[in-house]
């Protein structure tokens, strides 16, 4: 049996282990959280190097991709320094394939191409593929990276404007310490903020923990596109009135894993001993019929 392990800086309360079968190939899928303990995460990578088929890097990204250019996050790269044998993936491959195609792949479950008046993406920098997908189904897209990431109360409208801003910021962001690029250990704390952007949007998209932290209590009749959700998270969204949840990755035993975990699964399945190209990922997505999960809550 092949083994794919996501070592995450996030909360260990979200750990999960499942066995899945892809075209007859059994794969043990394991998510291990370290509660923000960088030293422990680094040691786990070194201890398991060469003993598992693929690593997912959770809780942070190794690189940020903007069109054809990739910008390194140096603090994150230090986290995995010394891993020599097991391929490492941080999910950015699936963010530019599976997430970029989310509405196309979910089309049969949605019953057609959806249309939204306004979308709010609280943090788009590491999910530009998703922001691009959202821009194709929404009349207006608001990115909240300056507000959520840097505390600057300025929204950014539209993907082209956001990319121009991101290219200017990335040479600086590339040198941010781990404390500034770590997604957070739990996201369980509730601090409603940027409420008007949540309320004005009929489509919300992005990392669940970022959104959970700032969500207002009432999100009636909205659609949310996200991933890494547990059954408790889905119930949390139901209580806030969300109408439809689309998880960009499939759900297994009540859980949708992060893109880093699922990219590790595909890397282990392929067995090339290296990260997969976007073309290879898209081929596997189609061959294995990997589709987003659509959950109607109301």
Foldseek 3Di string as FASTA:
>chain_A
DAEEEEEACAAQVLWDWDWDAFPNDIYIFTYGHDVNPLVVSLVVLVVCQVVHAAYEYHQFAQWFDDVPDTFGQVQSCVSPPPRDFHAYDHLLLCLQALLLCAQVLCCVVVVHQAAWAEEEEAACRRRLSNVNSVVVRYPKYWYNCCCLQVVDPDIDIDSVRVSVVCVVCRVVSSHDHPVRRGNYHYLQAADADPAVNLAVTQEYEDEPSSCSRHYDQANANHEYEYFFDAQVRVVSVLSNHHFKYKYSFDDDPRHGHGSSSVQSVVSSVVSPSYRDHSVSVNVCCVVSVTHIDMDGSD
